Amino acid sequence: MFNHKSILVTGGTGSFGKQFIKTMLENYKPKRLIVYSRDELKQFEMQQEFNSTPMRYFIGDVRDGERMKLAMRGVDYVVHAAAMKQVPAAEYNPMECIKTNVDGAQNVINAALDNEVEQVVALSTDKAANPINLYGATKLVSDKLFVAANNIAGGHKTKFSVVRYGNVVGSRGSVVPFFKKLIEQGTAEIPITDEKMTRFWITLPQGVDFVIKAFQRMHGGEIFIPRIPSSRITDLAKAIAPDLPHKIIGIRPGEKLHEIMCPADDSHLTLEFSDYYVIKPTISFNLPVDYSKNNLGEVGKHVAQGFEYNSGTNPHFLSVEELRDIVG
């Protein structure tokens, strides 16, 4: 579906964007691949690696609605990956987080509708489910905006869906490169926020493949959630630094002990497929949609009342050995 099409990625110089571009160039023949981001240095560095014919680099900020509309001219598919993601930074700079994650989301929606983009997939986070920090709260608002955009599309053909997943192994700002940097610096101990802490984990290639599948599966209005393993933060530390002791430092501002991707309050809206979940929209659109069967013909079923997809109660946990293989 991506051959001879134009695809734009907001926040395209990030970890996800680079892997998405790499996957697109290796497996498809796109007409244009547009990287939309605000950091000219990162774009320059990315151009050294990705400089084939379809590549385009567009300096711009998702906060700038007019620039977004210009960038989306002639675009068929959009992946919205741009976000302010650092939990403590968002707590200390709340309005900056809101401008990027909420106002920026609405700008993407407006630009997509104005340019008759076919499909938009917005990246969310596990922190958007039952949020306790500002980052999660802004991403929940963003999710709601993208879901509701299907209702305001009117005569436009554009469809919007959301992909929500957990921590990405090795992405910028994640705990894996942080631990590795401490080891390189000769640390005598590994800082652990809480011994009971758990997290969902997904690799970059898995995340990109899931987003690509979402384009093929989507009706519009769904939140797609992959079924992925959990890990204990202590096991992750053992996998990276088996010989170093742990130092408990306490949970940071806005941090959770366990992560949730399907809240119990949404169980009546949640469908289980073979390798993922779908949360149906809380609002109804003009045309009835059967979300239990996606556009690839895959069939899902309703989960039990009160079901919650929680990293602490997830039946699939990664062992220390499996974590060691993943993080290298």
C-alpha atoms as a PDB file:
ATOM      1  CA  MET A   1       0.000   0.000   0.000  1.00  0.00           C
ATOM      2  CA  PHE A   2       3.006   2.312   0.403  1.00  0.00           C
ATOM      3  CA  ASN A   3       4.472   1.820  -3.065  1.00  0.00           C
ATOM      4  CA  HIS A   4       4.443   5.030  -5.119  1.00  0.00           C
ATOM      5  CA  LYS A   5       2.875   6.908  -2.210  1.00  0.00           C
ATOM      6  CA  SER A   6       4.055   9.916  -0.192  1.00  0.00           C
ATOM      7  CA  ILE A   7       4.595   9.362   3.527  1.00  0.00           C
ATOM      8  CA  LEU A   8       5.385  12.021   6.146  1.00  0.00           C
ATOM      9  CA  VAL A   9       6.767  11.333   9.625  1.00  0.00           C
ATOM     10  CA  THR A  10       6.605  14.057  12.264  1.00  0.00           C
ATOM     11  CA  GLY A  11       9.512  13.868  14.676  1.00  0.00           C
ATOM     12  CA  GLY A  12      11.214  11.895  11.934  1.00  0.00           C
ATOM     13  CA  THR A  13      14.773  12.281  13.253  1.00  0.00           C
ATOM     14  CA  GLY A  14      13.973  10.370  16.459  1.00  0.00           C
ATOM     15  CA  SER A  15      14.625   6.704  17.139  1.00  0.00           C
ATOM     16  CA  PHE A  16      11.263   5.613  15.735  1.00  0.00           C
ATOM     17  CA  GLY A  17      11.537   7.869  12.687  1.00  0.00           C
ATOM     18  CA  LYS A  18      14.926   6.516  11.661  1.00  0.00           C
ATOM     19  CA  GLN A  19      13.795   2.908  11.974  1.00  0.00           C
ATOM     20  CA  PHE A  20      10.559   3.663  10.121  1.00  0.00           C
ATOM     21  CA  ILE A  21      12.436   5.315   7.234  1.00  0.00           C
ATOM     22  CA  LYS A  22      14.893   2.403   7.099  1.00  0.00           C
ATOM     23  CA  THR A  23      12.043  -0.116   6.961  1.00  0.00           C
ATOM     24  CA  MET A  24      10.190   1.842   4.276  1.00  0.00           C
ATOM     25  CA  LEU A  25      13.270   2.068   2.029  1.00  0.00           C
ATOM     26  CA  GLU A  26      14.083  -1.628   2.478  1.00  0.00           C
ATOM     27  CA  ASN A  27      10.597  -3.049   1.912  1.00  0.00           C
ATOM     28  CA  TYR A  28       8.647  -0.572  -0.223  1.00  0.00           C
ATOM     29  CA  LYS A  29       9.033   1.835  -3.128  1.00  0.00           C
ATOM     30  CA  PRO A  30       7.620   5.099  -1.815  1.00  0.00           C
ATOM     31  CA  LYS A  31       7.315   8.140  -4.032  1.00  0.00           C
ATOM     32  CA  ARG A  32       8.392  10.462  -1.205  1.00  0.00           C
ATOM     33  CA  LEU A  33       9.488   9.945   2.376  1.00  0.00           C
ATOM     34  CA  ILE A  34       9.264  13.230   4.259  1.00  0.00           C
ATOM     35  CA  VAL A  35      11.054  13.778   7.555  1.00  0.00           C
ATOM     36  CA  TYR A  36       9.385  16.648   9.410  1.00  0.00           C
ATOM     37  CA  SER A  37      11.242  17.904  12.485  1.00  0.00           C
ATOM     38  CA  ARG A  38      12.645  21.072  14.017  1.00  0.00           C
ATOM     39  CA  ASP A  39      16.328  20.167  14.580  1.00  0.00           C
ATOM     40  CA  GLU A  40      18.435  21.005  11.537  1.00  0.00           C
ATOM     41  CA  LEU A  41      21.540  19.293  12.941  1.00  0.00           C
ATOM     42  CA  LYS A  42      19.726  15.982  13.397  1.00  0.00           C
ATOM     43  CA  GLN A  43      18.309  16.311   9.892  1.00  0.00           C
ATOM     44  CA  PHE A  44      21.786  16.996   8.488  1.00  0.00           C
ATOM     45  CA  GLU A  45      23.154  13.925  10.274  1.00  0.00           C
ATOM     46  CA  MET A  46      20.241  11.801   9.078  1.00  0.00           C
ATOM     47  CA  GLN A  47      20.812  12.914   5.492  1.00  0.00           C
ATOM     48  CA  GLN A  48      24.270  11.339   5.623  1.00  0.00           C
ATOM     49  CA  GLU A  49      22.612   7.971   6.239  1.00  0.00           C
ATOM     50  CA  PHE A  50      19.381   8.312   4.266  1.00  0.00           C
ATOM     51  CA  ASN A  51      19.886  10.261   1.036  1.00  0.00           C
ATOM     52  CA  SER A  52      18.111   8.164  -1.595  1.00  0.00           C
ATOM     53  CA  THR A  53      15.747   9.619  -4.215  1.00  0.00           C
ATOM     54  CA  PRO A  54      12.468   9.483  -2.223  1.00  0.00           C
ATOM     55  CA  MET A  55      13.923  11.301   0.802  1.00  0.00           C
ATOM     56  CA  ARG A  56      12.774  14.809   1.679  1.00  0.00           C
ATOM     57  CA  TYR A  57      13.728  16.820   4.772  1.00  0.00           C
ATOM     58  CA  PHE A  58      11.356  19.501   6.015  1.00  0.00           C
ATOM     59  CA  ILE A  59      12.309  21.800   8.890  1.00  0.00           C
ATOM     60  CA  GLY A  60       9.260  22.608  10.979  1.00  0.00           C
ATOM     61  CA  ASP A  61       7.573  22.305  14.346  1.00  0.00           C
ATOM     62  CA  VAL A  62       4.226  20.579  14.968  1.00  0.00           C
ATOM     63  CA  ARG A  63       3.304  23.698  16.955  1.00  0.00           C
ATOM     64  CA  ASP A  64       3.287  25.613  13.641  1.00  0.00           C
ATOM     65  CA  GLY A  65      -0.027  24.805  11.975  1.00  0.00           C
ATOM     66  CA  GLU A  66       0.640  26.660   8.723  1.00  0.00           C
ATOM     67  CA  ARG A  67       4.004  24.974   8.276  1.00  0.00           C
ATOM     68  CA  MET A  68       2.359  21.593   8.857  1.00  0.00           C
ATOM     69  CA  LYS A  69      -0.244  22.270   6.178  1.00  0.00           C
ATOM     70  CA  LEU A  70       2.493  23.185   3.709  1.00  0.00           C
ATOM     71  CA  ALA A  71       4.509  20.057   4.540  1.00  0.00           C
ATOM     72  CA  MET A  72       1.519  17.749   3.970  1.00  0.00           C
ATOM     73  CA  ARG A  73       0.736  18.852   0.436  1.00  0.00           C
ATOM     74  CA  GLY A  74       0.350  15.757  -1.712  1.00  0.00           C
ATOM     75  CA  VAL A  75       0.941  13.396   1.229  1.00  0.00           C
ATOM     76  CA  ASP A  76      -0.953  10.090   1.386  1.00  0.00           C
ATOM     77  CA  TYR A  77       0.034   8.736   4.810  1.00  0.00           C
ATOM     78  CA  VAL A  78       1.200  10.408   8.024  1.00  0.00           C
ATOM     79  CA  VAL A  79       2.868   8.947  11.102  1.00  0.00           C
ATOM     80  CA  HIS A  80       2.731  11.389  14.003  1.00  0.00           C
ATOM     81  CA  ALA A  81       5.733  10.554  16.193  1.00  0.00           C
ATOM     82  CA  ALA A  82       6.714  14.037  17.386  1.00  0.00           C
ATOM     83  CA  ALA A  83       6.225  14.573  21.117  1.00  0.00           C
ATOM     84  CA  MET A  84       7.760  15.974  24.252  1.00  0.00           C
ATOM     85  CA  LYS A  85       8.346  12.698  26.087  1.00  0.00           C
ATOM     86  CA  GLN A  86      10.543  13.145  29.135  1.00  0.00           C
ATOM     87  CA  VAL A  87       8.337  12.762  32.221  1.00  0.00           C
ATOM     88  CA  PRO A  88      10.328  15.025  34.616  1.00  0.00           C
ATOM     89  CA  ALA A  89      10.861  17.683  31.904  1.00  0.00           C
ATOM     90  CA  ALA A  90       7.110  17.790  31.315  1.00  0.00           C
ATOM     91  CA  GLU A  91       6.428  18.132  35.039  1.00  0.00           C
ATOM     92  CA  TYR A  92       8.754  21.138  35.258  1.00  0.00           C
ATOM     93  CA  ASN A  93       7.682  22.695  31.930  1.00  0.00           C
ATOM     94  CA  PRO A  94       3.961  21.893  31.664  1.00  0.00           C
ATOM     95  CA  MET A  95       2.897  24.466  29.069  1.00  0.00           C
ATOM     96  CA  GLU A  96       5.711  23.462  26.714  1.00  0.00           C
ATOM     97  CA  CYS A  97       4.522  19.861  26.899  1.00  0.00           C
ATOM     98  CA  ILE A  98       0.926  20.934  26.236  1.00  0.00           C
ATOM     99  CA  LYS A  99       1.909  23.079  23.243  1.00  0.00           C
ATOM    100  CA  THR A 100       3.737  20.202  21.588  1.00  0.00           C
ATOM    101  CA  ASN A 101       1.609  17.203  22.543  1.00  0.00           C
ATOM    102  CA  VAL A 102      -1.874  18.741  22.466  1.00  0.00           C
ATOM    103  CA  ASP A 103      -1.720  21.791  20.196  1.00  0.00           C
ATOM    104  CA  GLY A 104       0.692  19.927  17.922  1.00  0.00           C
ATOM    105  CA  ALA A 105      -1.721  16.989  17.637  1.00  0.00           C
ATOM    106  CA  GLN A 106      -4.554  19.276  16.568  1.00  0.00           C
ATOM    107  CA  ASN A 107      -2.279  20.930  13.995  1.00  0.00           C
ATOM    108  CA  VAL A 108      -1.488  17.509  12.504  1.00  0.00           C
ATOM    109  CA  ILE A 109      -5.209  16.726  12.321  1.00  0.00           C
ATOM    110  CA  ASN A 110      -6.078  20.049  10.673  1.00  0.00           C
ATOM    111  CA  ALA A 111      -3.254  19.753   8.147  1.00  0.00           C
ATOM    112  CA  ALA A 112      -4.231  16.170   7.270  1.00  0.00           C
ATOM    113  CA  LEU A 113      -7.874  17.148   6.695  1.00  0.00           C
ATOM    114  CA  ASP A 114      -6.950  20.212   4.633  1.00  0.00           C
ATOM    115  CA  ASN A 115      -4.688  18.119   2.395  1.00  0.00           C
ATOM    116  CA  GLU A 116      -6.999  15.078   2.071  1.00  0.00           C
ATOM    117  CA  VAL A 117      -4.394  12.734   3.534  1.00  0.00           C
ATOM    118  CA  GLU A 118      -5.657   9.144   3.330  1.00  0.00           C
ATOM    119  CA  GLN A 119      -4.602   7.801   6.718  1.00  0.00           C
ATOM    120  CA  VAL A 120      -2.927   9.090   9.880  1.00  0.00           C
ATOM    121  CA  VAL A 121      -1.493   6.935  12.657  1.00  0.00           C
ATOM    122  CA  ALA A 122      -0.508   8.756  15.848  1.00  0.00           C
ATOM    123  CA  LEU A 123       1.935   7.224  18.307  1.00  0.00           C
ATOM    124  CA  SER A 124       0.773   7.129  21.905  1.00  0.00           C
ATOM    125  CA  THR A 125       2.273   5.715  25.098  1.00  0.00           C
ATOM    126  CA  ASP A 126       1.341   3.406  27.943  1.00  0.00           C
ATOM    127  CA  LYS A 127       1.489   6.519  30.153  1.00  0.00           C
ATOM    128  CA  ALA A 128      -1.704   7.776  28.462  1.00  0.00           C
ATOM    129  CA  ALA A 129      -3.722   5.027  30.178  1.00  0.00           C
ATOM    130  CA  ASN A 130      -4.827   6.146  33.658  1.00  0.00           C
ATOM    131  CA  PRO A 131      -2.257   8.965  33.531  1.00  0.00           C
ATOM    132  CA  ILE A 132      -0.625  10.282  36.692  1.00  0.00           C
ATOM    133  CA  ASN A 133       1.908  12.585  35.021  1.00  0.00           C
ATOM    134  CA  LEU A 134       1.535  15.489  32.618  1.00  0.00           C
ATOM    135  CA  TYR A 135       3.172  13.676  29.715  1.00  0.00           C
ATOM    136  CA  GLY A 136       0.626  10.869  30.003  1.00  0.00           C
ATOM    137  CA  ALA A 137      -2.227  13.343  30.403  1.00  0.00           C
ATOM    138  CA  THR A 138      -1.249  15.259  27.256  1.00  0.00           C
ATOM    139  CA  LYS A 139      -0.952  12.025  25.286  1.00  0.00           C
ATOM    140  CA  LEU A 140      -4.390  10.952  26.505  1.00  0.00           C
ATOM    141  CA  VAL A 141      -5.746  14.258  25.196  1.00  0.00           C
ATOM    142  CA  SER A 142      -3.865  13.669  21.952  1.00  0.00           C
ATOM    143  CA  ASP A 143      -5.403  10.188  21.652  1.00  0.00           C
ATOM    144  CA  LYS A 144      -8.868  11.645  22.171  1.00  0.00           C
ATOM    145  CA  LEU A 145      -8.230  14.302  19.524  1.00  0.00           C
ATOM    146  CA  PHE A 146      -7.155  11.751  16.908  1.00  0.00           C
ATOM    147  CA  VAL A 147     -10.070   9.427  17.668  1.00  0.00           C
ATOM    148  CA  ALA A 148     -12.598  12.282  17.515  1.00  0.00           C
ATOM    149  CA  ALA A 149     -11.048  13.580  14.294  1.00  0.00           C
ATOM    150  CA  ASN A 150     -12.840  10.751  12.479  1.00  0.00           C
ATOM    151  CA  ASN A 151     -16.121  12.328  13.581  1.00  0.00           C
ATOM    152  CA  ILE A 152     -15.246  15.811  12.322  1.00  0.00           C
ATOM    153  CA  ALA A 153     -13.789  14.611   9.012  1.00  0.00           C
ATOM    154  CA  GLY A 154     -17.172  15.134   7.336  1.00  0.00           C
ATOM    155  CA  GLY A 155     -16.714  14.821   3.587  1.00  0.00           C
ATOM    156  CA  HIS A 156     -12.965  14.331   3.913  1.00  0.00           C
ATOM    157  CA  LYS A 157     -11.584  10.855   3.216  1.00  0.00           C
ATOM    158  CA  THR A 158      -8.974  11.042   5.988  1.00  0.00           C
ATOM    159  CA  LYS A 159      -9.002   8.331   8.658  1.00  0.00           C
ATOM    160  CA  PHE A 160      -7.190   8.571  11.993  1.00  0.00           C
ATOM    161  CA  SER A 161      -6.047   5.836  14.394  1.00  0.00           C
ATOM    162  CA  VAL A 162      -3.677   5.540  17.351  1.00  0.00           C
ATOM    163  CA  VAL A 163      -0.940   3.057  18.247  1.00  0.00           C
ATOM    164  CA  ARG A 164      -0.097   2.722  21.948  1.00  0.00           C
ATOM    165  CA  TYR A 165       2.864   0.722  23.210  1.00  0.00           C
ATOM    166  CA  GLY A 166       5.377   0.582  26.056  1.00  0.00           C
ATOM    167  CA  ASN A 167       9.014   1.474  26.475  1.00  0.00           C
ATOM    168  CA  VAL A 168      11.201   1.027  23.414  1.00  0.00           C
ATOM    169  CA  VAL A 169      14.427  -0.857  24.064  1.00  0.00           C
ATOM    170  CA  GLY A 170      17.405   1.418  23.468  1.00  0.00           C
ATOM    171  CA  SER A 171      15.477   4.501  22.364  1.00  0.00           C
ATOM    172  CA  ARG A 172      16.908   7.888  23.239  1.00  0.00           C
ATOM    173  CA  GLY A 173      16.243   8.802  26.855  1.00  0.00           C
ATOM    174  CA  SER A 174      15.301   5.263  27.882  1.00  0.00           C
ATOM    175  CA  VAL A 175      16.848   3.439  30.807  1.00  0.00           C
ATOM    176  CA  VAL A 176      18.978   1.040  28.721  1.00  0.00           C
ATOM    177  CA  PRO A 177      21.376   3.639  27.251  1.00  0.00           C
ATOM    178  CA  PHE A 178      21.332   5.398  30.635  1.00  0.00           C
ATOM    179  CA  PHE A 179      22.535   2.258  32.406  1.00  0.00           C
ATOM    180  CA  LYS A 180      25.136   1.604  29.719  1.00  0.00           C
ATOM    181  CA  LYS A 181      26.471   5.150  29.977  1.00  0.00           C
ATOM    182  CA  LEU A 182      26.851   4.789  33.754  1.00  0.00           C
ATOM    183  CA  ILE A 183      28.817   1.569  33.238  1.00  0.00           C
ATOM    184  CA  GLU A 184      31.105   3.274  30.703  1.00  0.00           C
ATOM    185  CA  GLN A 185      31.727   6.000  33.261  1.00  0.00           C
ATOM    186  CA  GLY A 186      32.798   3.407  35.813  1.00  0.00           C
ATOM    187  CA  THR A 187      29.815   3.543  38.171  1.00  0.00           C
ATOM    188  CA  ALA A 188      30.020   1.397  41.290  1.00  0.00           C
ATOM    189  CA  GLU A 189      26.244   0.787  41.467  1.00  0.00           C
ATOM    190  CA  ILE A 190      23.099   0.860  39.356  1.00  0.00           C
ATOM    191  CA  PRO A 191      20.334   3.265  40.491  1.00  0.00           C
ATOM    192  CA  ILE A 192      16.937   1.582  40.811  1.00  0.00           C
ATOM    193  CA  THR A 193      13.799   3.610  41.453  1.00  0.00           C
ATOM    194  CA  ASP A 194      11.877   0.752  43.110  1.00  0.00           C
ATOM    195  CA  GLU A 195      12.600  -2.985  43.293  1.00  0.00           C
ATOM    196  CA  LYS A 196       8.973  -3.827  42.426  1.00  0.00           C
ATOM    197  CA  MET A 197       8.869  -1.627  39.291  1.00  0.00           C
ATOM    198  CA  THR A 198       7.858  -3.273  36.001  1.00  0.00           C
ATOM    199  CA  ARG A 199       7.616  -2.019  32.428  1.00  0.00           C
ATOM    200  CA  PHE A 200       6.324  -3.173  29.048  1.00  0.00           C
ATOM    201  CA  TRP A 201       9.110  -3.593  26.473  1.00  0.00           C
ATOM    202  CA  ILE A 202       9.153  -3.529  22.690  1.00  0.00           C
ATOM    203  CA  THR A 203      12.027  -3.295  20.218  1.00  0.00           C
ATOM    204  CA  LEU A 204      12.214  -0.539  17.605  1.00  0.00           C
ATOM    205  CA  PRO A 205      11.702  -2.913  14.637  1.00  0.00           C
ATOM    206  CA  GLN A 206       8.684  -4.447  16.395  1.00  0.00           C
ATOM    207  CA  GLY A 207       7.226  -0.999  17.042  1.00  0.00           C
ATOM    208  CA  VAL A 208       7.676   0.086  13.427  1.00  0.00           C
ATOM    209  CA  ASP A 209       6.212  -3.164  12.064  1.00  0.00           C
ATOM    210  CA  PHE A 210       3.200  -2.762  14.352  1.00  0.00           C
ATOM    211  CA  VAL A 211       2.581   0.783  13.084  1.00  0.00           C
ATOM    212  CA  ILE A 212       2.808  -0.382   9.463  1.00  0.00           C
ATOM    213  CA  LYS A 213       0.308  -3.137  10.242  1.00  0.00           C
ATOM    214  CA  ALA A 214      -1.989  -0.555  11.851  1.00  0.00           C
ATOM    215  CA  PHE A 215      -2.257   1.269   8.505  1.00  0.00           C
ATOM    216  CA  GLN A 216      -3.350  -1.997   6.896  1.00  0.00           C
ATOM    217  CA  ARG A 217      -5.753  -2.968   9.699  1.00  0.00           C
ATOM    218  CA  MET A 218      -7.412   0.326  10.608  1.00  0.00           C
ATOM    219  CA  HIS A 219     -11.003   1.403  10.090  1.00  0.00           C
ATOM    220  CA  GLY A 220     -10.381   4.715  11.868  1.00  0.00           C
ATOM    221  CA  GLY A 221     -10.902   5.558  15.520  1.00  0.00           C
ATOM    222  CA  GLU A 222      -9.183   2.529  17.064  1.00  0.00           C
ATOM    223  CA  ILE A 223      -6.341   2.469  19.554  1.00  0.00           C
ATOM    224  CA  PHE A 224      -4.049  -0.447  18.648  1.00  0.00           C
ATOM    225  CA  ILE A 225      -2.031  -2.032  21.474  1.00  0.00           C
ATOM    226  CA  PRO A 226       0.505  -4.832  20.872  1.00  0.00           C
ATOM    227  CA  ARG A 227       0.693  -7.826  23.185  1.00  0.00           C
ATOM    228  CA  ILE A 228       4.267  -7.499  24.387  1.00  0.00           C
ATOM    229  CA  PRO A 229       6.312  -8.796  27.340  1.00  0.00           C
ATOM    230  CA  SER A 230       7.052  -7.086  30.629  1.00  0.00           C
ATOM    231  CA  SER A 231      10.294  -6.922  32.564  1.00  0.00           C
ATOM    232  CA  ARG A 232      11.278  -6.141  36.133  1.00  0.00           C
ATOM    233  CA  ILE A 233      13.632  -3.185  36.409  1.00  0.00           C
ATOM    234  CA  THR A 234      15.875  -5.263  38.658  1.00  0.00           C
ATOM    235  CA  ASP A 235      16.134  -7.989  35.996  1.00  0.00           C
ATOM    236  CA  LEU A 236      17.024  -5.368  33.398  1.00  0.00           C
ATOM    237  CA  ALA A 237      19.798  -4.075  35.652  1.00  0.00           C
ATOM    238  CA  LYS A 238      21.078  -7.623  36.149  1.00  0.00           C
ATOM    239  CA  ALA A 239      21.076  -8.211  32.398  1.00  0.00           C
ATOM    240  CA  ILE A 240      23.138  -5.086  31.702  1.00  0.00           C
ATOM    241  CA  ALA A 241      25.378  -5.071  34.792  1.00  0.00           C
ATOM    242  CA  PRO A 242      25.304  -8.505  36.455  1.00  0.00           C
ATOM    243  CA  ASP A 243      28.165  -7.723  38.829  1.00  0.00           C
ATOM    244  CA  LEU A 244      27.050  -4.321  40.097  1.00  0.00           C
ATOM    245  CA  PRO A 245      24.921  -3.754  43.229  1.00  0.00           C
ATOM    246  CA  HIS A 246      21.662  -1.806  43.101  1.00  0.00           C
ATOM    247  CA  LYS A 247      20.949   1.477  44.877  1.00  0.00           C
ATOM    248  CA  ILE A 248      17.284   2.324  45.523  1.00  0.00           C
ATOM    249  CA  ILE A 249      16.732   6.022  44.734  1.00  0.00           C
ATOM    250  CA  GLY A 250      12.929   6.275  44.804  1.00  0.00           C
ATOM    251  CA  ILE A 251      10.343   6.992  42.126  1.00  0.00           C
ATOM    252  CA  ARG A 252      10.853  10.208  40.160  1.00  0.00           C
ATOM    253  CA  PRO A 253       8.172  12.920  39.839  1.00  0.00           C
ATOM    254  CA  GLY A 254       5.209  11.603  37.847  1.00  0.00           C
ATOM    255  CA  GLU A 255       6.533   8.039  37.597  1.00  0.00           C
ATOM    256  CA  LYS A 256       4.435   4.867  37.981  1.00  0.00           C
ATOM    257  CA  LEU A 257       5.328   1.603  39.664  1.00  0.00           C
ATOM    258  CA  HIS A 258       3.627  -0.422  36.903  1.00  0.00           C
ATOM    259  CA  GLU A 259       2.394   0.623  33.476  1.00  0.00           C
ATOM    260  CA  ILE A 260      -1.099   0.064  32.066  1.00  0.00           C
ATOM    261  CA  MET A 261      -2.010  -0.075  28.376  1.00  0.00           C
ATOM    262  CA  CYS A 262      -5.638  -1.250  28.550  1.00  0.00           C
ATOM    263  CA  PRO A 263      -7.387   0.244  31.605  1.00  0.00           C
ATOM    264  CA  ALA A 264     -10.080  -1.786  33.363  1.00  0.00           C
ATOM    265  CA  ASP A 265     -12.491   1.128  32.843  1.00  0.00           C
ATOM    266  CA  ASP A 266     -12.166   0.554  29.068  1.00  0.00           C
ATOM    267  CA  SER A 267     -12.699  -3.221  29.224  1.00  0.00           C
ATOM    268  CA  HIS A 268     -16.168  -2.908  27.701  1.00  0.00           C
ATOM    269  CA  LEU A 269     -14.503  -1.287  24.669  1.00  0.00           C
ATOM    270  CA  THR A 270     -11.510  -3.637  24.404  1.00  0.00           C
ATOM    271  CA  LEU A 271     -11.145  -6.381  21.810  1.00  0.00           C
ATOM    272  CA  GLU A 272      -8.506  -9.110  21.916  1.00  0.00           C
ATOM    273  CA  PHE A 273      -6.864 -10.274  18.684  1.00  0.00           C
ATOM    274  CA  SER A 274      -4.162 -12.920  18.285  1.00  0.00           C
ATOM    275  CA  ASP A 275      -1.214 -10.611  18.961  1.00  0.00           C
ATOM    276  CA  TYR A 276      -2.741  -7.262  19.910  1.00  0.00           C
ATOM    277  CA  TYR A 277      -5.682  -5.462  21.517  1.00  0.00           C
ATOM    278  CA  VAL A 278      -7.976  -2.778  20.133  1.00  0.00           C
ATOM    279  CA  ILE A 279      -9.776  -0.170  22.231  1.00  0.00           C
ATOM    280  CA  LYS A 280     -12.840   0.966  20.331  1.00  0.00           C
ATOM    281  CA  PRO A 281     -13.792   4.666  20.348  1.00  0.00           C
ATOM    282  CA  THR A 282     -16.067   5.825  23.148  1.00  0.00           C
ATOM    283  CA  ILE A 283     -18.059   7.918  20.664  1.00  0.00           C
ATOM    284  CA  SER A 284     -19.993   6.638  17.663  1.00  0.00           C
ATOM    285  CA  PHE A 285     -19.307   7.906  14.159  1.00  0.00           C
ATOM    286  CA  ASN A 286     -21.777   8.550  11.366  1.00  0.00           C
ATOM    287  CA  LEU A 287     -21.146   5.177   9.731  1.00  0.00           C
ATOM    288  CA  PRO A 288     -21.318   2.019  11.888  1.00  0.00           C
ATOM    289  CA  VAL A 289     -18.020   0.118  12.020  1.00  0.00           C
ATOM    290  CA  ASP A 290     -17.473  -3.491  13.086  1.00  0.00           C
ATOM    291  CA  TYR A 291     -14.162  -3.187  14.926  1.00  0.00           C
ATOM    292  CA  SER A 292     -14.142  -6.911  15.715  1.00  0.00           C
ATOM    293  CA  LYS A 293     -12.993  -7.537  12.134  1.00  0.00           C
ATOM    294  CA  ASN A 294     -10.185  -5.407  10.718  1.00  0.00           C
ATOM    295  CA  ASN A 295      -9.341  -4.639   7.096  1.00  0.00           C
ATOM    296  CA  LEU A 296      -6.993  -7.636   6.920  1.00  0.00           C
ATOM    297  CA  GLY A 297      -9.853  -9.947   7.881  1.00  0.00           C
ATOM    298  CA  GLU A 298      -8.465 -10.666  11.369  1.00  0.00           C
ATOM    299  CA  VAL A 299     -11.187 -11.297  13.941  1.00  0.00           C
ATOM    300  CA  GLY A 300     -11.130 -10.278  17.603  1.00  0.00           C
ATOM    301  CA  LYS A 301     -13.360 -10.913  20.602  1.00  0.00           C
ATOM    302  CA  HIS A 302     -14.397  -8.846  23.606  1.00  0.00           C
ATOM    303  CA  VAL A 303     -12.277  -9.220  26.737  1.00  0.00           C
ATOM    304  CA  ALA A 304     -13.822 -10.028  30.108  1.00  0.00           C
ATOM    305  CA  GLN A 305     -15.404  -7.215  32.105  1.00  0.00           C
ATOM    306  CA  GLY A 306     -12.765  -5.582  34.297  1.00  0.00           C
ATOM    307  CA  PHE A 307      -9.828  -6.804  32.180  1.00  0.00           C
ATOM    308  CA  GLU A 308      -6.688  -4.700  32.590  1.00  0.00           C
ATOM    309  CA  TYR A 309      -3.471  -5.024  30.590  1.00  0.00           C
ATOM    310  CA  ASN A 310      -0.898  -4.175  33.252  1.00  0.00           C
ATOM    311  CA  SER A 311       2.895  -4.631  33.151  1.00  0.00           C
ATOM    312  CA  GLY A 312       2.806  -5.978  36.716  1.00  0.00           C
ATOM    313  CA  THR A 313       0.210  -8.695  36.052  1.00  0.00           C
ATOM    314  CA  ASN A 314       1.198  -9.439  32.446  1.00  0.00           C
ATOM    315  CA  PRO A 315       1.591 -13.245  32.085  1.00  0.00           C
ATOM    316  CA  HIS A 316       4.681 -12.824  29.858  1.00  0.00           C
ATOM    317  CA  PHE A 317       7.823 -11.607  31.635  1.00  0.00           C
ATOM    318  CA  LEU A 318      11.270 -11.502  30.040  1.00  0.00           C
ATOM    319  CA  SER A 319      13.986 -13.442  31.842  1.00  0.00           C
ATOM    320  CA  VAL A 320      17.396 -11.957  32.587  1.00  0.00           C
ATOM    321  CA  GLU A 321      18.850 -14.015  29.736  1.00  0.00           C
ATOM    322  CA  GLU A 322      16.203 -12.822  27.272  1.00  0.00           C
ATOM    323  CA  LEU A 323      16.785  -9.229  28.325  1.00  0.00           C
ATOM    324  CA  ARG A 324      20.521  -9.664  27.856  1.00  0.00           C
ATOM    325  CA  ASP A 325      19.938 -10.883  24.283  1.00  0.00           C
ATOM    326  CA  ILE A 326      17.649  -7.940  23.519  1.00  0.00           C
ATOM    327  CA  VAL A 327      19.819  -5.152  24.944  1.00  0.00           C
ATOM    328  CA  GLY A 328      23.051  -6.613  23.621  1.00  0.00           C
END
